[in-house]
C-alpha atoms as a PDB file:
ATOM      1  CA  MET A   1      17.908   8.796  85.536  1.00  0.00           C
ATOM      2  CA  LYS A   2      20.863  10.943  86.173  1.00  0.00           C
ATOM      3  CA  PRO A   3      22.489  12.435  83.220  1.00  0.00           C
ATOM      4  CA  LEU A   4      25.398  10.905  81.632  1.00  0.00           C
ATOM      5  CA  ILE A   5      28.685  12.564  82.208  1.00  0.00           C
ATOM      6  CA  SER A   6      31.953  11.721  80.368  1.00  0.00           C
ATOM      7  CA  ILE A   7      35.261  11.636  81.804  1.00  0.00           C
ATOM      8  CA  ILE A   8      38.213  12.125  79.659  1.00  0.00           C
ATOM      9  CA  VAL A   9      41.803  10.916  80.887  1.00  0.00           C
ATOM     10  CA  PRO A  10      44.736  11.620  78.449  1.00  0.00           C
ATOM     11  CA  ILE A  11      47.359   8.830  79.097  1.00  0.00           C
ATOM     12  CA  TYR A  12      51.177   8.804  78.330  1.00  0.00           C
ATOM     13  CA  ASN A  13      54.247   7.237  80.087  1.00  0.00           C
ATOM     14  CA  VAL A  14      52.232   6.923  83.698  1.00  0.00           C
ATOM     15  CA  GLU A  15      52.509   3.386  84.389  1.00  0.00           C
ATOM     16  CA  ALA A  16      53.250   3.810  88.048  1.00  0.00           C
ATOM     17  CA  TYR A  17      50.412   6.052  88.585  1.00  0.00           C
ATOM     18  CA  LEU A  18      47.459   5.071  86.074  1.00  0.00           C
ATOM     19  CA  ALA A  19      45.817   2.250  88.414  1.00  0.00           C
ATOM     20  CA  LYS A  20      45.194   4.967  91.155  1.00  0.00           C
ATOM     21  CA  CYS A  21      43.862   7.196  88.844  1.00  0.00           C
ATOM     22  CA  ILE A  22      41.353   4.812  86.958  1.00  0.00           C
ATOM     23  CA  ASN A  23      40.361   3.044  90.398  1.00  0.00           C
ATOM     24  CA  SER A  24      39.458   6.556  91.728  1.00  0.00           C
ATOM     25  CA  ILE A  25      37.274   7.232  88.621  1.00  0.00           C
ATOM     26  CA  ILE A  26      35.521   3.772  88.303  1.00  0.00           C
ATOM     27  CA  ASN A  27      34.734   3.737  92.403  1.00  0.00           C
ATOM     28  CA  GLN A  28      32.852   7.216  92.110  1.00  0.00           C
ATOM     29  CA  THR A  29      29.381   7.289  93.819  1.00  0.00           C
ATOM     30  CA  TYR A  30      28.099   8.632  90.997  1.00  0.00           C
ATOM     31  CA  GLY A  31      27.517   5.559  88.485  1.00  0.00           C
ATOM     32  CA  ASN A  32      26.300   7.035  85.222  1.00  0.00           C
ATOM     33  CA  LEU A  33      29.631   7.778  83.598  1.00  0.00           C
ATOM     34  CA  GLU A  34      31.345   7.157  80.361  1.00  0.00           C
ATOM     35  CA  ILE A  35      35.182   6.920  80.720  1.00  0.00           C
ATOM     36  CA  PHE A  36      37.485   7.649  78.032  1.00  0.00           C
ATOM     37  CA  LEU A  37      40.954   6.371  78.438  1.00  0.00           C
ATOM     38  CA  VAL A  38      42.900   7.899  75.870  1.00  0.00           C
ATOM     39  CA  ASP A  39      46.130   6.108  75.391  1.00  0.00           C
ATOM     40  CA  ASP A  40      48.223   8.641  73.569  1.00  0.00           C
ATOM     41  CA  GLY A  41      50.782   6.305  71.949  1.00  0.00           C
ATOM     42  CA  SER A  42      52.485   5.645  75.275  1.00  0.00           C
ATOM     43  CA  PRO A  43      55.723   3.587  75.127  1.00  0.00           C
ATOM     44  CA  ASP A  44      55.126   1.698  78.371  1.00  0.00           C
ATOM     45  CA  ARG A  45      52.315  -0.629  79.663  1.00  0.00           C
ATOM     46  CA  CYS A  46      49.618   1.890  79.930  1.00  0.00           C
ATOM     47  CA  GLY A  47      47.879   0.851  76.901  1.00  0.00           C
ATOM     48  CA  LEU A  48      47.568  -2.529  78.281  1.00  0.00           C
ATOM     49  CA  ILE A  49      46.425  -1.593  81.547  1.00  0.00           C
ATOM     50  CA  CYS A  50      43.856   0.271  79.808  1.00  0.00           C
ATOM     51  CA  ASP A  51      42.458  -2.656  77.794  1.00  0.00           C
ATOM     52  CA  GLU A  52      42.433  -4.627  81.215  1.00  0.00           C
ATOM     53  CA  TYR A  53      40.267  -2.274  82.731  1.00  0.00           C
ATOM     54  CA  ALA A  54      37.869  -1.891  79.835  1.00  0.00           C
ATOM     55  CA  LYS A  55      37.302  -5.756  80.310  1.00  0.00           C
ATOM     56  CA  GLN A  56      36.360  -5.157  83.795  1.00  0.00           C
ATOM     57  CA  ASP A  57      34.034  -2.140  83.472  1.00  0.00           C
ATOM     58  CA  ALA A  58      31.529  -1.637  80.413  1.00  0.00           C
ATOM     59  CA  ARG A  59      31.529   2.145  81.061  1.00  0.00           C
ATOM     60  CA  ILE A  60      35.438   2.385  79.937  1.00  0.00           C
ATOM     61  CA  LYS A  61      36.065   3.207  76.380  1.00  0.00           C
ATOM     62  CA  VAL A  62      39.681   2.756  75.268  1.00  0.00           C
ATOM     63  CA  ILE A  63      41.083   4.921  72.567  1.00  0.00           C
ATOM     64  CA  HIS A  64      44.661   4.092  71.335  1.00  0.00           C
ATOM     65  CA  LYS A  65      46.229   7.021  69.161  1.00  0.00           C
ATOM     66  CA  LYS A  66      49.349   8.113  67.590  1.00  0.00           C
ATOM     67  CA  ASN A  67      51.240  10.408  70.170  1.00  0.00           C
ATOM     68  CA  GLY A  68      50.101  13.981  69.793  1.00  0.00           C
ATOM     69  CA  GLY A  69      50.095  15.458  73.124  1.00  0.00           C
ATOM     70  CA  LEU A  70      47.862  16.124  76.362  1.00  0.00           C
ATOM     71  CA  SER A  71      45.820  18.602  74.347  1.00  0.00           C
ATOM     72  CA  ASP A  72      45.323  16.313  71.239  1.00  0.00           C
ATOM     73  CA  ALA A  73      44.370  13.483  73.521  1.00  0.00           C
ATOM     74  CA  ARG A  74      41.892  15.661  75.402  1.00  0.00           C
ATOM     75  CA  ASN A  75      40.353  16.921  72.160  1.00  0.00           C
ATOM     76  CA  VAL A  76      40.028  13.511  70.901  1.00  0.00           C
ATOM     77  CA  GLY A  77      38.148  12.679  73.931  1.00  0.00           C
ATOM     78  CA  MET A  78      35.655  15.478  73.645  1.00  0.00           C
ATOM     79  CA  ASP A  79      34.816  14.439  70.139  1.00  0.00           C
ATOM     80  CA  ARG A  80      33.745  11.307  71.175  1.00  0.00           C
ATOM     81  CA  ALA A  81      31.859  12.127  74.305  1.00  0.00           C
ATOM     82  CA  ARG A  82      28.198  11.722  74.288  1.00  0.00           C
ATOM     83  CA  GLY A  83      27.807  13.064  77.959  1.00  0.00           C
ATOM     84  CA  GLN A  84      25.732  16.051  79.235  1.00  0.00           C
ATOM     85  CA  TYR A  85      28.785  16.927  81.252  1.00  0.00           C
ATOM     86  CA  LEU A  86      32.371  16.890  80.614  1.00  0.00           C
ATOM     87  CA  PHE A  87      35.101  16.188  83.320  1.00  0.00           C
ATOM     88  CA  PHE A  88      38.779  15.875  82.882  1.00  0.00           C
ATOM     89  CA  VAL A  89      41.403  13.907  85.013  1.00  0.00           C
ATOM     90  CA  ASP A  90      45.193  13.937  84.223  1.00  0.00           C
ATOM     91  CA  SER A  91      46.295  10.297  84.419  1.00  0.00           C
ATOM     92  CA  ASP A  92      48.851  10.767  87.303  1.00  0.00           C
ATOM     93  CA  ASP A  93      46.307  12.538  89.439  1.00  0.00           C
ATOM     94  CA  TYR A  94      43.174  10.848  91.209  1.00  0.00           C
ATOM     95  CA  ILE A  95      39.854  12.008  92.469  1.00  0.00           C
ATOM     96  CA  HIS A  96      37.807  11.902  95.437  1.00  0.00           C
ATOM     97  CA  GLU A  97      35.203   9.165  95.562  1.00  0.00           C
ATOM     98  CA  GLN A  98      32.528  11.788  95.583  1.00  0.00           C
ATOM     99  CA  SER A  99      33.795  14.263  93.334  1.00  0.00           C
ATOM    100  CA  ILE A 100      31.577  13.839  90.411  1.00  0.00           C
ATOM    101  CA  GLU A 101      28.411  13.275  92.640  1.00  0.00           C
ATOM    102  CA  LYS A 102      28.989  16.570  94.654  1.00  0.00           C
ATOM    103  CA  LEU A 103      29.771  18.567  91.493  1.00  0.00           C
ATOM    104  CA  HIS A 104      26.719  17.360  89.741  1.00  0.00           C
ATOM    105  CA  SER A 105      24.707  18.263  92.677  1.00  0.00           C
ATOM    106  CA  LEU A 106      26.188  21.876  92.691  1.00  0.00           C
ATOM    107  CA  ILE A 107      25.311  22.356  89.177  1.00  0.00           C
ATOM    108  CA  LYS A 108      21.636  20.895  89.625  1.00  0.00           C
ATOM    109  CA  ASP A 109      20.644  22.444  92.918  1.00  0.00           C
ATOM    110  CA  ASN A 110      21.986  26.043  91.526  1.00  0.00           C
ATOM    111  CA  SER A 111      20.884  25.859  87.664  1.00  0.00           C
ATOM    112  CA  ALA A 112      24.571  26.443  87.033  1.00  0.00           C
ATOM    113  CA  GLN A 113      26.297  25.420  83.818  1.00  0.00           C
ATOM    114  CA  LEU A 114      29.770  24.915  85.539  1.00  0.00           C
ATOM    115  CA  ALA A 115      30.914  23.473  89.000  1.00  0.00           C
ATOM    116  CA  ILE A 116      34.503  23.991  90.406  1.00  0.00           C
ATOM    117  CA  GLY A 117      35.912  21.975  93.053  1.00  0.00           C
ATOM    118  CA  SER A 118      39.121  22.798  94.855  1.00  0.00           C
ATOM    119  CA  VAL A 119      42.493  21.054  94.543  1.00  0.00           C
ATOM    120  CA  ASN A 120      44.665  18.976  97.017  1.00  0.00           C
ATOM    121  CA  ASN A 121      48.464  19.496  96.156  1.00  0.00           C
ATOM    122  CA  CYS A 122      49.940  15.961  96.671  1.00  0.00           C
ATOM    123  CA  PHE A 123      53.762  15.728  97.172  1.00  0.00           C
ATOM    124  CA  GLU A 124      55.766  12.770  98.536  1.00  0.00           C
ATOM    125  CA  THR A 125      56.386  14.857 101.930  1.00  0.00           C
ATOM    126  CA  GLY A 126      52.599  15.313 102.240  1.00  0.00           C
ATOM    127  CA  ASP A 127      49.529  17.274 100.889  1.00  0.00           C
ATOM    128  CA  TRP A 128      48.634  20.791 100.866  1.00  0.00           C
ATOM    129  CA  PRO A 129      45.128  21.836 100.104  1.00  0.00           C
ATOM    130  CA  GLN A 130      44.856  24.966  97.939  1.00  0.00           C
ATOM    131  CA  CYS A 131      42.276  26.439 100.351  1.00  0.00           C
ATOM    132  CA  SER A 132      42.324  26.100 104.176  1.00  0.00           C
ATOM    133  CA  GLN A 133      38.633  27.137 104.782  1.00  0.00           C
ATOM    134  CA  LYS A 134      35.801  25.618 102.988  1.00  0.00           C
ATOM    135  CA  GLU A 135      32.883  27.465 101.264  1.00  0.00           C
ATOM    136  CA  THR A 136      30.558  27.189  98.402  1.00  0.00           C
ATOM    137  CA  TYR A 137      29.384  30.262  96.449  1.00  0.00           C
ATOM    138  CA  ILE A 138      27.629  30.940  93.250  1.00  0.00           C
ATOM    139  CA  CYS A 139      29.320  33.579  90.835  1.00  0.00           C
ATOM    140  CA  THR A 140      29.544  34.699  87.151  1.00  0.00           C
ATOM    141  CA  GLY A 141      31.976  33.610  84.786  1.00  0.00           C
ATOM    142  CA  VAL A 142      33.807  36.701  84.936  1.00  0.00           C
ATOM    143  CA  GLN A 143      34.001  36.302  88.664  1.00  0.00           C
ATOM    144  CA  ALA A 144      35.423  32.810  88.620  1.00  0.00           C
ATOM    145  CA  PHE A 145      37.937  34.012  85.957  1.00  0.00           C
ATOM    146  CA  LYS A 146      39.197  36.614  88.480  1.00  0.00           C
ATOM    147  CA  ASP A 147      39.273  34.316  91.290  1.00  0.00           C
ATOM    148  CA  MET A 148      41.252  31.676  89.020  1.00  0.00           C
ATOM    149  CA  LEU A 149      43.789  34.382  88.146  1.00  0.00           C
ATOM    150  CA  GLU A 150      44.144  35.434  91.791  1.00  0.00           C
ATOM    151  CA  GLY A 151      44.981  31.695  92.541  1.00  0.00           C
ATOM    152  CA  LYS A 152      43.284  31.492  96.066  1.00  0.00           C
ATOM    153  CA  LYS A 153      39.933  29.801  95.684  1.00  0.00           C
ATOM    154  CA  VAL A 154      39.665  28.530  91.848  1.00  0.00           C
ATOM    155  CA  PRO A 155      42.333  26.238  90.484  1.00  0.00           C
ATOM    156  CA  GLY A 156      43.938  26.974  87.278  1.00  0.00           C
ATOM    157  CA  SER A 157      43.492  23.538  85.548  1.00  0.00           C
ATOM    158  CA  ALA A 158      40.574  22.143  83.449  1.00  0.00           C
ATOM    159  CA  CYS A 159      40.885  19.178  85.543  1.00  0.00           C
ATOM    160  CA  GLY A 160      38.388  18.806  88.662  1.00  0.00           C
ATOM    161  CA  LYS A 161      35.898  21.162  86.908  1.00  0.00           C
ATOM    162  CA  LEU A 162      32.431  19.870  85.878  1.00  0.00           C
ATOM    163  CA  PHE A 163      31.441  21.441  82.391  1.00  0.00           C
ATOM    164  CA  SER A 164      28.187  21.464  80.652  1.00  0.00           C
ATOM    165  CA  LYS A 165      29.198  20.048  77.488  1.00  0.00           C
ATOM    166  CA  ASN A 166      27.654  23.043  75.416  1.00  0.00           C
ATOM    167  CA  LEU A 167      30.269  25.278  77.063  1.00  0.00           C
ATOM    168  CA  CYS A 168      33.111  23.494  75.327  1.00  0.00           C
ATOM    169  CA  VAL A 169      31.851  22.637  71.864  1.00  0.00           C
ATOM    170  CA  ASP A 170      33.475  25.524  70.239  1.00  0.00           C
ATOM    171  CA  HIS A 171      36.588  25.436  72.271  1.00  0.00           C
ATOM    172  CA  ARG A 172      39.577  23.221  71.596  1.00  0.00           C
ATOM    173  CA  PHE A 173      43.038  22.662  73.805  1.00  0.00           C
ATOM    174  CA  PRO A 174      45.760  24.069  71.660  1.00  0.00           C
ATOM    175  CA  LEU A 175      48.257  21.796  70.507  1.00  0.00           C
ATOM    176  CA  ASN A 176      51.950  21.441  71.078  1.00  0.00           C
ATOM    177  CA  LYS A 177      51.817  23.725  74.286  1.00  0.00           C
ATOM    178  CA  THR A 178      52.215  23.200  77.719  1.00  0.00           C
ATOM    179  CA  TYR A 179      49.999  25.159  80.343  1.00  0.00           C
ATOM    180  CA  GLU A 180      47.171  24.521  77.772  1.00  0.00           C
ATOM    181  CA  ASP A 181      44.655  25.122  80.499  1.00  0.00           C
ATOM    182  CA  ALA A 182      45.487  28.637  80.368  1.00  0.00           C
ATOM    183  CA  PHE A 183      44.565  29.031  76.942  1.00  0.00           C
ATOM    184  CA  PHE A 184      41.606  27.034  77.146  1.00  0.00           C
ATOM    185  CA  LEU A 185      39.747  28.445  80.054  1.00  0.00           C
ATOM    186  CA  PRO A 186      39.484  32.366  79.820  1.00  0.00           C
ATOM    187  CA  THR A 187      37.084  32.220  76.985  1.00  0.00           C
ATOM    188  CA  VAL A 188      35.209  29.290  78.337  1.00  0.00           C
ATOM    189  CA  LEU A 189      34.691  30.934  81.759  1.00  0.00           C
ATOM    190  CA  LEU A 190      33.684  34.090  80.187  1.00  0.00           C
ATOM    191  CA  GLU A 191      30.987  32.735  78.158  1.00  0.00           C
ATOM    192  CA  THR A 192      29.567  31.083  81.382  1.00  0.00           C
ATOM    193  CA  PRO A 193      26.556  32.508  82.916  1.00  0.00           C
ATOM    194  CA  LYS A 194      26.281  31.031  86.222  1.00  0.00           C
ATOM    195  CA  VAL A 195      29.183  28.906  88.049  1.00  0.00           C
ATOM    196  CA  VAL A 196      29.305  27.287  91.388  1.00  0.00           C
ATOM    197  CA  VAL A 197      32.503  27.105  93.350  1.00  0.00           C
ATOM    198  CA  THR A 198      33.418  24.897  96.094  1.00  0.00           C
ATOM    199  CA  THR A 199      36.905  25.144  98.009  1.00  0.00           C
ATOM    200  CA  GLU A 200      36.475  21.638  99.254  1.00  0.00           C
ATOM    201  CA  PRO A 201      39.465  19.703  97.914  1.00  0.00           C
ATOM    202  CA  LEU A 202      38.153  17.268  95.343  1.00  0.00           C
ATOM    203  CA  TYR A 203      40.729  16.654  92.955  1.00  0.00           C
ATOM    204  CA  ASN A 204      44.343  15.390  93.925  1.00  0.00           C
ATOM    205  CA  TYR A 205      46.961  16.767  91.897  1.00  0.00           C
ATOM    206  CA  TRP A 206      50.219  14.995  92.095  1.00  0.00           C
ATOM    207  CA  HIS A 207      53.278  16.955  91.865  1.00  0.00           C
ATOM    208  CA  ARG A 208      56.006  14.672  90.626  1.00  0.00           C
ATOM    209  CA  ALA A 209      59.415  15.056  89.245  1.00  0.00           C
ATOM    210  CA  GLY A 210      59.558  14.360  85.639  1.00  0.00           C
ATOM    211  CA  SER A 211      56.281  15.846  84.698  1.00  0.00           C
ATOM    212  CA  ILE A 212      55.619  18.145  81.529  1.00  0.00           C
ATOM    213  CA  THR A 213      55.985  20.997  83.733  1.00  0.00           C
ATOM    214  CA  THR A 214      58.784  19.967  86.026  1.00  0.00           C
ATOM    215  CA  GLY A 215      61.314  18.034  84.116  1.00  0.00           C
ATOM    216  CA  GLN A 216      64.190  19.156  81.972  1.00  0.00           C
ATOM    217  CA  ILE A 217      64.225  22.473  80.186  1.00  0.00           C
ATOM    218  CA  THR A 218      63.066  22.787  76.670  1.00  0.00           C
ATOM    219  CA  ASP A 219      61.922  25.174  74.252  1.00  0.00           C
ATOM    220  CA  LYS A 220      58.335  24.976  75.649  1.00  0.00           C
ATOM    221  CA  VAL A 221      59.563  26.383  79.109  1.00  0.00           C
ATOM    222  CA  MET A 222      58.314  29.704  78.001  1.00  0.00           C
ATOM    223  CA  ASP A 223      54.766  28.333  77.134  1.00  0.00           C
ATOM    224  CA  VAL A 224      53.365  29.587  80.831  1.00  0.00           C
ATOM    225  CA  VAL A 225      54.573  32.991  79.897  1.00  0.00           C
ATOM    226  CA  ARG A 226      52.881  32.916  76.373  1.00  0.00           C
ATOM    227  CA  ALA A 227      49.789  31.575  77.872  1.00  0.00           C
ATOM    228  CA  TYR A 228      49.299  34.461  80.340  1.00  0.00           C
ATOM    229  CA  GLU A 229      50.461  37.013  77.590  1.00  0.00           C
ATOM    230  CA  TYR A 230      47.365  35.584  75.988  1.00  0.00           C
ATOM    231  CA  THR A 231      45.339  35.881  79.004  1.00  0.00           C
ATOM    232  CA  GLU A 232      46.223  39.512  79.120  1.00  0.00           C
ATOM    233  CA  GLN A 233      45.061  39.986  75.617  1.00  0.00           C
ATOM    234  CA  VAL A 234      41.646  38.343  76.735  1.00  0.00           C
ATOM    235  CA  VAL A 235      41.413  40.597  79.524  1.00  0.00           C
ATOM    236  CA  GLU A 236      42.062  43.548  77.607  1.00  0.00           C
ATOM    237  CA  LYS A 237      39.408  42.821  74.985  1.00  0.00           C
ATOM    238  CA  TYR A 238      36.624  41.443  77.128  1.00  0.00           C
ATOM    239  CA  CYS A 239      36.919  42.392  80.977  1.00  0.00           C
ATOM    240  CA  PRO A 240      39.625  45.164  81.368  1.00  0.00           C
ATOM    241  CA  GLU A 241      38.544  45.446  84.948  1.00  0.00           C
ATOM    242  CA  LEU A 242      40.660  42.409  85.498  1.00  0.00           C
ATOM    243  CA  ARG A 243      43.868  43.843  84.425  1.00  0.00           C
ATOM    244  CA  PRO A 244      45.549  43.915  88.050  1.00  0.00           C
ATOM    245  CA  GLN A 245      44.826  40.052  88.327  1.00  0.00           C
ATOM    246  CA  ALA A 246      46.043  39.457  84.525  1.00  0.00           C
ATOM    247  CA  ASN A 247      49.467  41.393  85.214  1.00  0.00           C
ATOM    248  CA  PHE A 248      49.818  39.586  88.443  1.00  0.00           C
ATOM    249  CA  ARG A 249      49.647  36.183  86.620  1.00  0.00           C
ATOM    250  CA  LEU A 250      51.999  37.232  84.007  1.00  0.00           C
ATOM    251  CA  PHE A 251      54.689  38.306  86.533  1.00  0.00           C
ATOM    252  CA  TRP A 252      53.997  34.892  88.364  1.00  0.00           C
ATOM    253  CA  SER A 253      54.451  33.104  84.909  1.00  0.00           C
ATOM    254  CA  TYR A 254      58.018  34.806  84.815  1.00  0.00           C
ATOM    255  CA  PHE A 255      58.748  33.628  88.205  1.00  0.00           C
ATOM    256  CA  VAL A 256      57.645  29.856  87.343  1.00  0.00           C
ATOM    257  CA  VAL A 257      60.263  29.790  84.470  1.00  0.00           C
ATOM    258  CA  LEU A 258      63.139  31.309  86.638  1.00  0.00           C
ATOM    259  CA  ASP A 259      62.638  28.918  89.245  1.00  0.00           C
ATOM    260  CA  ARG A 260      62.973  26.383  86.835  1.00  0.00           C
ATOM    261  CA  LEU A 261      66.001  27.704  85.279  1.00  0.00           C
ATOM    262  CA  ILE A 262      67.864  28.510  88.494  1.00  0.00           C
ATOM    263  CA  LYS A 263      67.762  24.801  89.715  1.00  0.00           C
ATOM    264  CA  PHE A 264      70.768  24.133  87.181  1.00  0.00           C
ATOM    265  CA  SER A 265      74.064  25.365  87.906  1.00  0.00           C
ATOM    266  CA  ASN A 266      74.483  26.607  84.246  1.00  0.00           C
ATOM    267  CA  TYR A 267      71.196  28.508  84.462  1.00  0.00           C
ATOM    268  CA  ARG A 268      72.791  31.737  82.849  1.00  0.00           C
ATOM    269  CA  ASN A 269      73.410  29.607  79.561  1.00  0.00           C
ATOM    270  CA  PHE A 270      69.863  29.044  78.885  1.00  0.00           C
ATOM    271  CA  PRO A 271      68.676  30.992  76.111  1.00  0.00           C
ATOM    272  CA  GLN A 272      65.461  32.239  77.828  1.00  0.00           C
ATOM    273  CA  TYR A 273      67.306  33.270  80.855  1.00  0.00           C
ATOM    274  CA  LYS A 274      68.208  36.842  79.600  1.00  0.00           C
ATOM    275  CA  GLU A 275      64.540  37.302  78.652  1.00  0.00           C
ATOM    276  CA  VAL A 276      63.221  36.284  82.269  1.00  0.00           C
ATOM    277  CA  ILE A 277      65.699  38.160  84.304  1.00  0.00           C
ATOM    278  CA  CYS A 278      65.335  41.407  82.301  1.00  0.00           C
ATOM    279  CA  TYR A 279      61.451  41.344  82.577  1.00  0.00           C
ATOM    280  CA  LEU A 280      61.508  40.576  86.419  1.00  0.00           C
ATOM    281  CA  LYS A 281      64.225  43.291  87.141  1.00  0.00           C
ATOM    282  CA  HIS A 282      62.248  45.683  85.091  1.00  0.00           C
ATOM    283  CA  ASN A 283      58.988  44.855  87.057  1.00  0.00           C
ATOM    284  CA  TRP A 284      60.477  44.371  90.341  1.00  0.00           C
ATOM    285  CA  LYS A 285      58.805  47.496  92.033  1.00  0.00           C
ATOM    286  CA  SER A 286      55.228  46.085  90.551  1.00  0.00           C
ATOM    287  CA  VAL A 287      55.652  42.738  91.842  1.00  0.00           C
ATOM    288  CA  TYR A 288      56.743  44.173  95.393  1.00  0.00           C
ATOM    289  CA  LYS A 289      53.698  46.247  95.283  1.00  0.00           C
ATOM    290  CA  CYS A 290      51.317  43.352  94.286  1.00  0.00           C
ATOM    291  CA  THR A 291      49.438  42.330  97.134  1.00  0.00           C
ATOM    292  CA  TYR A 292      48.158  39.244  95.226  1.00  0.00           C
ATOM    293  CA  PHE A 293      52.009  37.619  95.940  1.00  0.00           C
ATOM    294  CA  SER A 294      52.828  36.519  99.265  1.00  0.00           C
ATOM    295  CA  ILE A 295      55.372  38.357 101.173  1.00  0.00           C
ATOM    296  CA  SER A 296      57.914  36.172 100.795  1.00  0.00           C
ATOM    297  CA  ARG A 297      57.524  36.470  96.947  1.00  0.00           C
ATOM    298  CA  ARG A 298      57.737  40.172  97.161  1.00  0.00           C
ATOM    299  CA  ILE A 299      60.714  40.062  99.118  1.00  0.00           C
ATOM    300  CA  SER A 300      62.313  37.762  96.613  1.00  0.00           C
ATOM    301  CA  ALA A 301      61.764  40.084  93.976  1.00  0.00           C
ATOM    302  CA  VAL A 302      63.757  42.780  95.807  1.00  0.00           C
ATOM    303  CA  LEU A 303      66.657  40.216  96.097  1.00  0.00           C
ATOM    304  CA  LEU A 304      66.419  39.600  92.605  1.00  0.00           C
ATOM    305  CA  LYS A 305      66.990  43.146  91.797  1.00  0.00           C
ATOM    306  CA  VAL A 306      69.870  43.434  93.872  1.00  0.00           C
ATOM    307  CA  ASN A 307      71.584  40.181  93.015  1.00  0.00           C
ATOM    308  CA  VAL A 308      70.426  36.993  91.285  1.00  0.00           C
ATOM    309  CA  SER A 309      72.653  34.859  93.431  1.00  0.00           C
ATOM    310  CA  LEU A 310      70.931  36.107  96.502  1.00  0.00           C
ATOM    311  CA  TYR A 311      67.496  35.134  94.914  1.00  0.00           C
ATOM    312  CA  ARG A 312      68.935  31.783  93.913  1.00  0.00           C
ATOM    313  CA  LEU A 313      70.188  31.236  97.753  1.00  0.00           C
ATOM    314  CA  ALA A 314      66.642  32.173  99.107  1.00  0.00           C
ATOM    315  CA  PHE A 315      65.175  29.548  96.421  1.00  0.00           C
ATOM    316  CA  LYS A 316      67.752  26.935  97.924  1.00  0.00           C
ATOM    317  CA  LEU A 317      66.787  27.715 101.380  1.00  0.00           C
ATOM    318  CA  ASN A 318      63.152  27.266 100.488  1.00  0.00           C
ATOM    319  CA  GLN A 319      63.805  23.973  98.902  1.00  0.00           C
ATOM    320  CA  LYS A 320      65.538  22.691 102.027  1.00  0.00           C
ATOM    321  CA  LYS A 321      62.891  24.114 104.279  1.00  0.00           C
ATOM    322  CA  TYR A 322      59.818  22.245 102.558  1.00  0.00           C
ATOM    323  CA  GLY A 323      61.940  19.115 101.343  1.00  0.00           C
ATOM    324  CA  VAL A 324      60.263  19.352  98.173  1.00  0.00           C
ATOM    325  CA  ASN A 325      60.787  21.490  94.661  1.00  0.00           C
ATOM    326  CA  ALA A 326      60.965  24.853  95.607  1.00  0.00           C
ATOM    327  CA  ALA A 327      59.486  25.913  92.290  1.00  0.00           C
ATOM    328  CA  MET A 328      56.396  23.752  92.970  1.00  0.00           C
ATOM    329  CA  MET A 329      55.919  25.552  96.252  1.00  0.00           C
ATOM    330  CA  PHE A 330      56.522  29.127  94.941  1.00  0.00           C
ATOM    331  CA  SER A 331      54.279  28.320  92.276  1.00  0.00           C
ATOM    332  CA  LEU A 332      51.494  27.344  94.507  1.00  0.00           C
ATOM    333  CA  ALA A 333      51.967  29.966  97.090  1.00  0.00           C
ATOM    334  CA  CYS A 334      52.374  32.848  94.651  1.00  0.00           C
END
């Protein structure tokens, strides 16, 4: 019999997207699943929707809990999971019908502890696969960490990855933070002897306005920077050969924050603005020389050094060109 795989879905205020997410899971070609729908105190009808699905599919286990955030919901799911493997899905996303089967086969055929699939970025205007070319390769956890920091082949999310459960038992998602995956994944990857990666897009990541990472500016906007400051600390301690990739990610994180701030006309009034602009202007030469960035991003660093208004104009032109949130596009394209 195929091993049991536990799928963990944290759910909060996603009523419009939830059915598509759950349907993509229950219709997987791999059938031996336990599916944890963790209702994190959602104020809409999500809890009721979960209960209705549980009546239809015995593999579904609904957990209703007080709101504690995405990390807390994932941790609760991990505590309950009985599967040999863990797989995370965010409740506004959905997965390819063969996601679990293909990732499990990669683990089994290669005696690996972790299988990683690529991402299809979904916008209202269309889809954008993370990788244009398909390939499958075996590597160490350190190499997978390097590839994740570079952002070309390995996605930075915990979602879409099939983990052997024993990799995760000593790790938790940090509470009260966004970009929690950047705190969770580094040490997990570094403790993984063998990883198999496919650049086939098996996970559909829906980029929507108003999500945790694209909504209004809050104190948590700098969490992405703190996450990659943590990454630098991990790299310095365990794998200093990855310093160039870690530095690149920290630069990238500051751009993520800046691109969110300048969407607002009063962007200079945000308390985070001074820290972000000072850091990027101070490091503009390093950004320009960093070949992990796209040429448009490297040029934007020069514009930023010259004048913030020029940078903001380029941002708006990019937004008009793509017809989606430019911060999202820049974040994906690096």
